[in-house]
Amino acid sequence: MVAQPIRSQALSFLGVLPLYLAIATAVGFVDFRVRPAINFEHAFTTYVPAVLSGTEAPPAKYRVLAPHAYAALARWTGLDARDAWFVFRWLCLLAALIAGHALFRAWFDTGPAVAGNALAMVLLWLTFSGGYGHPDHLMELFLFTLGCACVARQWDAAFVAVLALNALNRETSAFLIPLFVFARGFDRRHLIWSAVAAATWLGVTLVLRWQLGWVAYNPLNVAQNIENMTTWPERDLYYRLFGWFFLIMVVPVLVTIAQTWARQPRYTRVAAGIVTPALLVTGFLFSSVWESRIFTPVVPLLVPGLLFALFPERPRP
């Protein structure tokens, strides 16, 4: 009884895989073209070597997964640093599309799932502004989306493993925990898995700081964010708008979801009503909103709710 739906989903995925290959290539090209050469080259010539040597400033020094994955790819393929960088980011985009397909297919047929991935990739363009392409950026899109898929499909053990990988990549992985905790009803088994997930994330985070050495820093960034969103007269309008891109990315989606709130499932209500606002507030307090890539997790958080608003007639059980 179970094998047939799994086989059917696998065949439908293989049918749209060529489309995902094309979308990953198109989005990768946009990512490359919006950055001056000095910006994307900084990532693999300066940032990655500093993380690998442990000399990068915090919190970046603790975001080790993507730099090590990129370095391993370059070593295994023999590609030069520039070409390996392009291949690495393309693979992250493709992996994110595959994870997105798994996420959206938890509820929807193939057509809406492909539409969800397309919408996610269009919104992702707003995170390509304000700085060079950090290696953890597109890796986060993949891993956070995969974590969301595990929550949606109630793959508890897989979620804990994916959460651990997320914790090696970025601190925003912590927002997967409230999504996991509140996206379903509470029972003894779920509470145990929730405790395991929280302990896993905390353990990975503490071990990283113990192994690499704790370096104190002041994460508060409110004053700079207000300045970046209101002044910077020496920059043209395009650059001054960077700080507002996260609102352009989030507000229209939230408005669309709110119009169909009554028929939204618990998962999408938690993602849109609890996790996303918490992530936005945290980002404004402790990150630079001028680098809108920090809000990348809102894409997999909000797109499922957007699909429920746009495709109400085709949800999967």
Protein backbone atom coordinates (compact mmCIF):
# COMPACT_ATOMS: atom_id res chain seq x y z
CA MET A 1 0.00 0.00 0.00
CA VAL A 2 2.86 2.39 0.78
CA ALA A 3 5.19 1.36 -2.04
CA GLN A 4 2.89 2.56 -4.82
CA PRO A 5 2.61 6.20 -3.58
CA ILE A 6 6.37 6.31 -3.00
CA ARG A 7 7.03 5.00 -6.50
CA SER A 8 4.53 7.46 -7.95
CA GLN A 9 6.18 10.39 -6.18
CA ALA A 10 9.62 9.25 -7.34
CA LEU A 11 8.47 9.06 -10.97
CA SER A 12 6.82 12.48 -10.77
CA PHE A 13 10.02 13.94 -9.31
CA LEU A 14 12.16 12.47 -12.10
CA GLY A 15 9.77 14.02 -14.59
CA VAL A 16 10.41 17.55 -13.28
CA LEU A 17 14.11 17.10 -12.44
CA PRO A 18 15.23 18.58 -15.83
CA LEU A 19 13.20 21.67 -14.97
CA TYR A 20 14.91 21.93 -11.59
CA LEU A 21 18.31 21.64 -13.30
CA ALA A 22 17.36 24.58 -15.51
CA ILE A 23 16.02 26.65 -12.60
CA ALA A 24 19.19 26.06 -10.56
CA THR A 25 21.29 27.19 -13.51
CA ALA A 26 19.17 30.30 -14.11
CA VAL A 27 19.19 31.35 -10.45
CA GLY A 28 22.93 30.67 -10.21
CA PHE A 29 23.49 32.95 -13.21
CA VAL A 30 21.46 35.74 -11.55
CA ASP A 31 23.46 35.27 -8.35
CA PHE A 32 26.71 35.61 -10.30
CA ARG A 33 25.65 38.62 -12.35
CA VAL A 34 24.32 40.80 -9.52
CA ARG A 35 27.66 40.83 -7.69
CA PRO A 36 30.78 42.75 -8.69
CA ALA A 37 33.67 40.36 -9.29
CA ILE A 38 35.46 41.57 -6.17
CA ASN A 39 32.48 40.56 -4.03
CA PHE A 40 32.06 36.96 -5.07
CA GLU A 41 35.83 36.39 -5.29
CA HIS A 42 36.23 37.57 -1.70
CA ALA A 43 34.22 34.57 -0.55
CA PHE A 44 36.64 31.90 -1.77
CA THR A 45 39.87 33.89 -1.70
CA THR A 46 39.54 35.43 1.78
CA TYR A 47 36.49 34.28 3.73
CA VAL A 48 36.77 30.50 3.24
CA PRO A 49 40.54 30.30 4.01
CA ALA A 50 39.98 32.36 7.18
CA VAL A 51 37.20 30.05 8.39
CA LEU A 52 39.26 26.95 7.59
CA SER A 53 42.24 28.34 9.51
CA GLY A 54 40.08 29.48 12.44
CA THR A 55 41.10 33.13 12.08
CA GLU A 56 37.78 34.53 10.82
CA ALA A 57 35.97 36.85 13.22
CA PRO A 58 32.89 35.58 15.09
CA PRO A 59 30.23 34.53 14.45
CA ALA A 60 31.45 33.52 11.00
CA LYS A 61 34.30 31.43 12.45
CA TYR A 62 31.68 29.02 13.85
CA ARG A 63 29.90 28.57 10.50
CA VAL A 64 32.15 25.79 9.35
CA LEU A 65 30.05 23.41 7.26
CA ALA A 66 29.81 25.29 3.97
CA PRO A 67 33.48 26.40 3.81
CA HIS A 68 34.64 22.83 4.47
CA ALA A 69 32.16 21.45 1.92
CA TYR A 70 33.37 23.93 -0.70
CA ALA A 71 37.02 23.14 0.03
CA ALA A 72 36.32 19.39 -0.21
CA LEU A 73 34.56 19.86 -3.55
CA ALA A 74 37.49 21.83 -4.94
CA ARG A 75 39.91 19.16 -3.69
CA TRP A 76 37.93 16.19 -5.01
CA THR A 77 37.20 17.67 -8.43
CA GLY A 78 40.55 19.37 -9.02
CA LEU A 79 38.74 22.52 -10.15
CA ASP A 80 40.33 25.89 -9.52
CA ALA A 81 38.86 28.02 -6.75
CA ARG A 82 36.63 30.11 -9.02
CA ASP A 83 35.09 27.21 -10.95
CA ALA A 84 34.63 25.14 -7.78
CA TRP A 85 32.79 28.10 -6.26
CA PHE A 86 30.29 28.21 -9.12
CA VAL A 87 29.76 24.45 -9.01
CA PHE A 88 29.33 24.53 -5.22
CA ARG A 89 26.65 27.20 -5.33
CA TRP A 90 24.86 25.47 -8.22
CA LEU A 91 24.79 22.21 -6.28
CA CYS A 92 23.37 24.02 -3.24
CA LEU A 93 20.61 25.52 -5.39
CA LEU A 94 19.77 22.15 -6.93
CA ALA A 95 19.75 20.50 -3.51
CA ALA A 96 17.44 23.26 -2.23
CA LEU A 97 15.03 22.63 -5.09
CA ILE A 98 15.00 18.90 -4.34
CA ALA A 99 14.41 19.61 -0.64
CA GLY A 100 11.67 22.06 -1.59
CA HIS A 101 10.01 19.40 -3.71
CA ALA A 102 10.02 17.05 -0.72
CA LEU A 103 8.57 19.82 1.45
CA PHE A 104 5.74 20.85 -0.87
CA ARG A 105 4.87 17.28 -1.86
CA ALA A 106 4.05 16.62 1.79
CA TRP A 107 0.72 18.28 0.96
CA PHE A 108 0.46 18.99 -2.77
CA ASP A 109 0.66 17.28 -6.13
CA THR A 110 3.60 17.79 -8.46
CA GLY A 111 2.23 20.88 -10.23
CA PRO A 112 1.80 23.03 -7.11
CA ALA A 113 5.11 21.68 -5.76
CA VAL A 114 6.94 22.92 -8.86
CA ALA A 115 5.10 26.24 -8.58
CA GLY A 116 6.21 26.48 -4.95
CA ASN A 117 9.82 25.93 -5.91
CA ALA A 118 9.57 28.53 -8.66
CA LEU A 119 8.08 31.06 -6.23
CA ALA A 120 10.80 30.28 -3.69
CA MET A 121 13.55 30.88 -6.23
CA VAL A 122 12.04 34.20 -7.36
CA LEU A 123 11.85 35.42 -3.76
CA LEU A 124 15.41 34.22 -3.24
CA TRP A 125 16.66 36.86 -5.68
CA LEU A 126 15.98 39.49 -3.00
CA THR A 127 18.67 37.85 -0.84
CA PHE A 128 21.41 38.33 -3.44
CA SER A 129 22.01 41.97 -2.48
CA GLY A 130 24.35 43.67 -0.09
CA GLY A 131 27.74 42.01 -0.12
CA TYR A 132 29.54 38.95 -1.38
CA GLY A 133 28.12 35.46 -1.63
CA HIS A 134 28.77 33.88 1.74
CA PRO A 135 29.27 30.12 1.38
CA ASP A 136 26.68 29.43 4.10
CA HIS A 137 23.94 31.34 2.24
CA LEU A 138 22.72 28.79 -0.31
CA MET A 139 23.76 25.91 1.94
CA GLU A 140 21.34 27.37 4.48
CA LEU A 141 18.56 27.46 1.89
CA PHE A 142 19.09 23.76 1.25
CA LEU A 143 19.46 22.59 4.84
CA PHE A 144 16.73 24.79 6.30
CA THR A 145 14.31 23.67 3.58
CA LEU A 146 15.25 20.06 4.25
CA GLY A 147 14.62 20.60 7.94
CA CYS A 148 11.18 22.03 7.13
CA ALA A 149 10.46 18.99 4.96
CA CYS A 150 11.36 16.68 7.86
CA VAL A 151 8.97 18.60 10.12
CA ALA A 152 6.16 18.50 7.55
CA ARG A 153 6.59 14.76 6.98
CA GLN A 154 7.15 14.01 10.69
CA TRP A 155 10.55 12.42 10.05
CA ASP A 156 11.73 12.97 13.62
CA ALA A 157 15.07 11.14 13.57
CA ALA A 158 15.98 12.65 10.20
CA PHE A 159 15.04 16.09 11.52
CA VAL A 160 17.51 15.81 14.40
CA ALA A 161 20.29 14.81 11.99
CA VAL A 162 19.47 17.67 9.60
CA LEU A 163 19.25 20.09 12.53
CA ALA A 164 22.78 19.12 13.59
CA LEU A 165 24.07 19.89 10.09
CA ASN A 166 22.17 23.19 10.14
CA ALA A 167 23.82 24.09 13.44
CA LEU A 168 27.22 23.61 11.81
CA ASN A 169 26.22 26.11 9.14
CA ARG A 170 24.34 29.03 10.75
CA GLU A 171 22.83 30.03 14.06
CA THR A 172 19.46 30.72 12.41
CA SER A 173 19.05 26.95 12.38
CA ALA A 174 17.68 27.44 15.90
CA PHE A 175 14.38 28.60 14.37
CA LEU A 176 13.74 25.09 13.13
CA ILE A 177 13.24 24.04 16.76
CA PRO A 178 10.05 26.07 17.49
CA LEU A 179 8.72 25.00 14.09
CA PHE A 180 9.25 21.37 15.07
CA VAL A 181 7.84 21.84 18.58
CA PHE A 182 4.63 23.71 17.73
CA ALA A 183 3.77 22.31 14.28
CA ARG A 184 1.91 19.33 15.78
CA GLY A 185 0.01 18.41 18.90
CA PHE A 186 1.86 17.67 22.10
CA ASP A 187 2.21 14.12 23.32
CA ARG A 188 4.91 12.28 25.24
CA ARG A 189 6.75 11.05 22.15
CA HIS A 190 6.79 14.49 20.54
CA LEU A 191 8.00 16.16 23.72
CA ILE A 192 10.88 13.67 23.94
CA TRP A 193 11.90 14.31 20.33
CA SER A 194 11.62 18.06 20.93
CA ALA A 195 13.99 17.81 23.89
CA VAL A 196 16.39 15.69 21.83
CA ALA A 197 16.32 18.25 19.01
CA ALA A 198 16.97 21.21 21.34
CA ALA A 199 19.79 19.36 23.12
CA THR A 200 21.36 18.41 19.77
CA TRP A 201 21.38 21.99 18.50
CA LEU A 202 22.76 23.33 21.78
CA GLY A 203 25.38 20.60 21.95
CA VAL A 204 26.68 21.26 18.43
CA THR A 205 26.73 25.02 19.07
CA LEU A 206 28.67 24.67 22.33
CA VAL A 207 31.15 22.14 20.93
CA LEU A 208 31.94 24.47 18.03
CA ARG A 209 32.74 27.30 20.41
CA TRP A 210 34.76 25.03 22.67
CA GLN A 211 36.80 23.50 19.85
CA LEU A 212 37.40 26.73 17.92
CA GLY A 213 37.75 28.97 20.97
CA TRP A 214 35.23 31.42 22.29
CA VAL A 215 35.70 34.97 21.04
CA ALA A 216 33.43 37.59 22.59
CA TYR A 217 31.67 40.05 20.31
CA ASN A 218 28.76 42.48 20.48
CA PRO A 219 25.96 41.20 18.21
CA LEU A 220 23.57 44.12 18.76
CA ASN A 221 23.06 45.89 15.44
CA VAL A 222 19.88 47.95 15.80
CA ALA A 223 21.47 51.39 15.36
CA GLN A 224 23.28 50.36 12.19
CA ASN A 225 20.14 48.79 10.76
CA ILE A 226 18.13 51.95 11.36
CA GLU A 227 20.87 54.01 9.72
CA ASN A 228 21.13 51.66 6.75
CA MET A 229 17.37 51.82 6.17
CA THR A 230 16.99 55.57 6.54
CA THR A 231 20.18 57.39 5.51
CA TRP A 232 23.29 56.51 3.50
CA PRO A 233 22.93 59.58 1.24
CA GLU A 234 26.30 58.87 -0.40
CA ARG A 235 24.84 55.74 -2.01
CA ASP A 236 22.26 55.70 -4.80
CA LEU A 237 18.68 54.59 -4.24
CA TYR A 238 19.34 50.98 -5.26
CA TYR A 239 21.88 50.47 -2.48
CA ARG A 240 19.77 52.32 0.08
CA LEU A 241 16.88 49.96 -0.65
CA PHE A 242 18.85 46.86 0.36
CA GLY A 243 17.76 47.23 3.97
CA TRP A 244 14.11 47.12 2.89
CA PHE A 245 14.36 44.03 0.71
CA PHE A 246 13.41 41.66 3.52
CA LEU A 247 10.07 43.48 3.89
CA ILE A 248 9.45 43.25 0.14
CA MET A 249 10.17 39.54 0.40
CA VAL A 250 7.98 38.86 3.44
CA VAL A 251 5.04 41.29 3.64
CA PRO A 252 3.22 40.41 0.38
CA VAL A 253 3.48 36.71 1.18
CA LEU A 254 2.16 37.21 4.72
CA VAL A 255 -0.74 39.30 3.40
CA THR A 256 -1.66 36.53 0.95
CA ILE A 257 -1.48 33.88 3.67
CA ALA A 258 -3.52 36.01 6.10
CA GLN A 259 -6.40 36.19 3.62
CA THR A 260 -6.78 32.40 3.88
CA TRP A 261 -5.79 32.01 7.54
CA ALA A 262 -8.91 30.03 8.45
CA ARG A 263 -8.04 27.18 6.10
CA GLN A 264 -4.28 27.19 6.72
CA PRO A 265 -2.99 24.05 8.52
CA ARG A 266 -1.21 24.20 11.85
CA TYR A 267 2.24 23.92 10.23
CA THR A 268 1.85 27.03 8.06
CA ARG A 269 0.24 29.02 10.88
CA VAL A 270 3.19 28.28 13.15
CA ALA A 271 5.67 29.10 10.37
CA ALA A 272 3.96 32.39 9.44
CA GLY A 273 2.62 33.48 12.82
CA ILE A 274 5.38 32.45 15.23
CA VAL A 275 8.67 31.46 13.60
CA THR A 276 8.88 34.08 10.85
CA PRO A 277 8.15 37.08 13.14
CA ALA A 278 10.68 35.77 15.67
CA LEU A 279 13.29 35.42 12.93
CA LEU A 280 12.61 38.93 11.59
CA VAL A 281 12.91 40.53 15.02
CA THR A 282 16.09 38.61 15.81
CA GLY A 283 17.60 39.54 12.45
CA PHE A 284 16.84 43.21 12.98
CA LEU A 285 18.35 43.16 16.46
CA PHE A 286 21.47 41.09 15.86
CA SER A 287 22.25 41.04 12.12
CA SER A 288 22.67 43.51 9.28
CA VAL A 289 19.42 43.86 7.34
CA TRP A 290 21.41 45.45 4.53
CA GLU A 291 22.57 41.89 3.83
CA SER A 292 19.11 40.51 3.17
CA ARG A 293 20.53 36.99 2.78
CA ILE A 294 20.15 36.65 6.56
CA PHE A 295 16.40 36.24 6.01
CA THR A 296 16.77 33.31 3.60
CA PRO A 297 14.95 30.90 5.98
CA VAL A 298 11.69 32.82 5.59
CA VAL A 299 11.45 31.48 2.03
CA PRO A 300 10.88 27.80 2.97
CA LEU A 301 8.92 28.93 6.04
CA LEU A 302 6.34 30.96 4.10
CA VAL A 303 6.01 29.34 0.68
CA PRO A 304 3.97 26.33 1.95
CA GLY A 305 1.38 28.75 3.35
CA LEU A 306 1.43 30.64 0.06
CA LEU A 307 0.66 27.38 -1.77
CA PHE A 308 -2.28 26.67 0.54
CA ALA A 309 -3.58 30.15 -0.33
CA LEU A 310 -3.10 29.69 -4.08
CA PHE A 311 -3.97 26.00 -4.51
CA PRO A 312 -6.68 25.28 -1.93
CA GLU A 313 -8.33 22.69 -4.12
CA ARG A 314 -5.35 20.32 -4.42
CA PRO A 315 -3.94 19.53 -0.97
CA ARG A 316 -2.62 16.03 -0.37
CA PRO A 317 -3.69 14.10 2.77
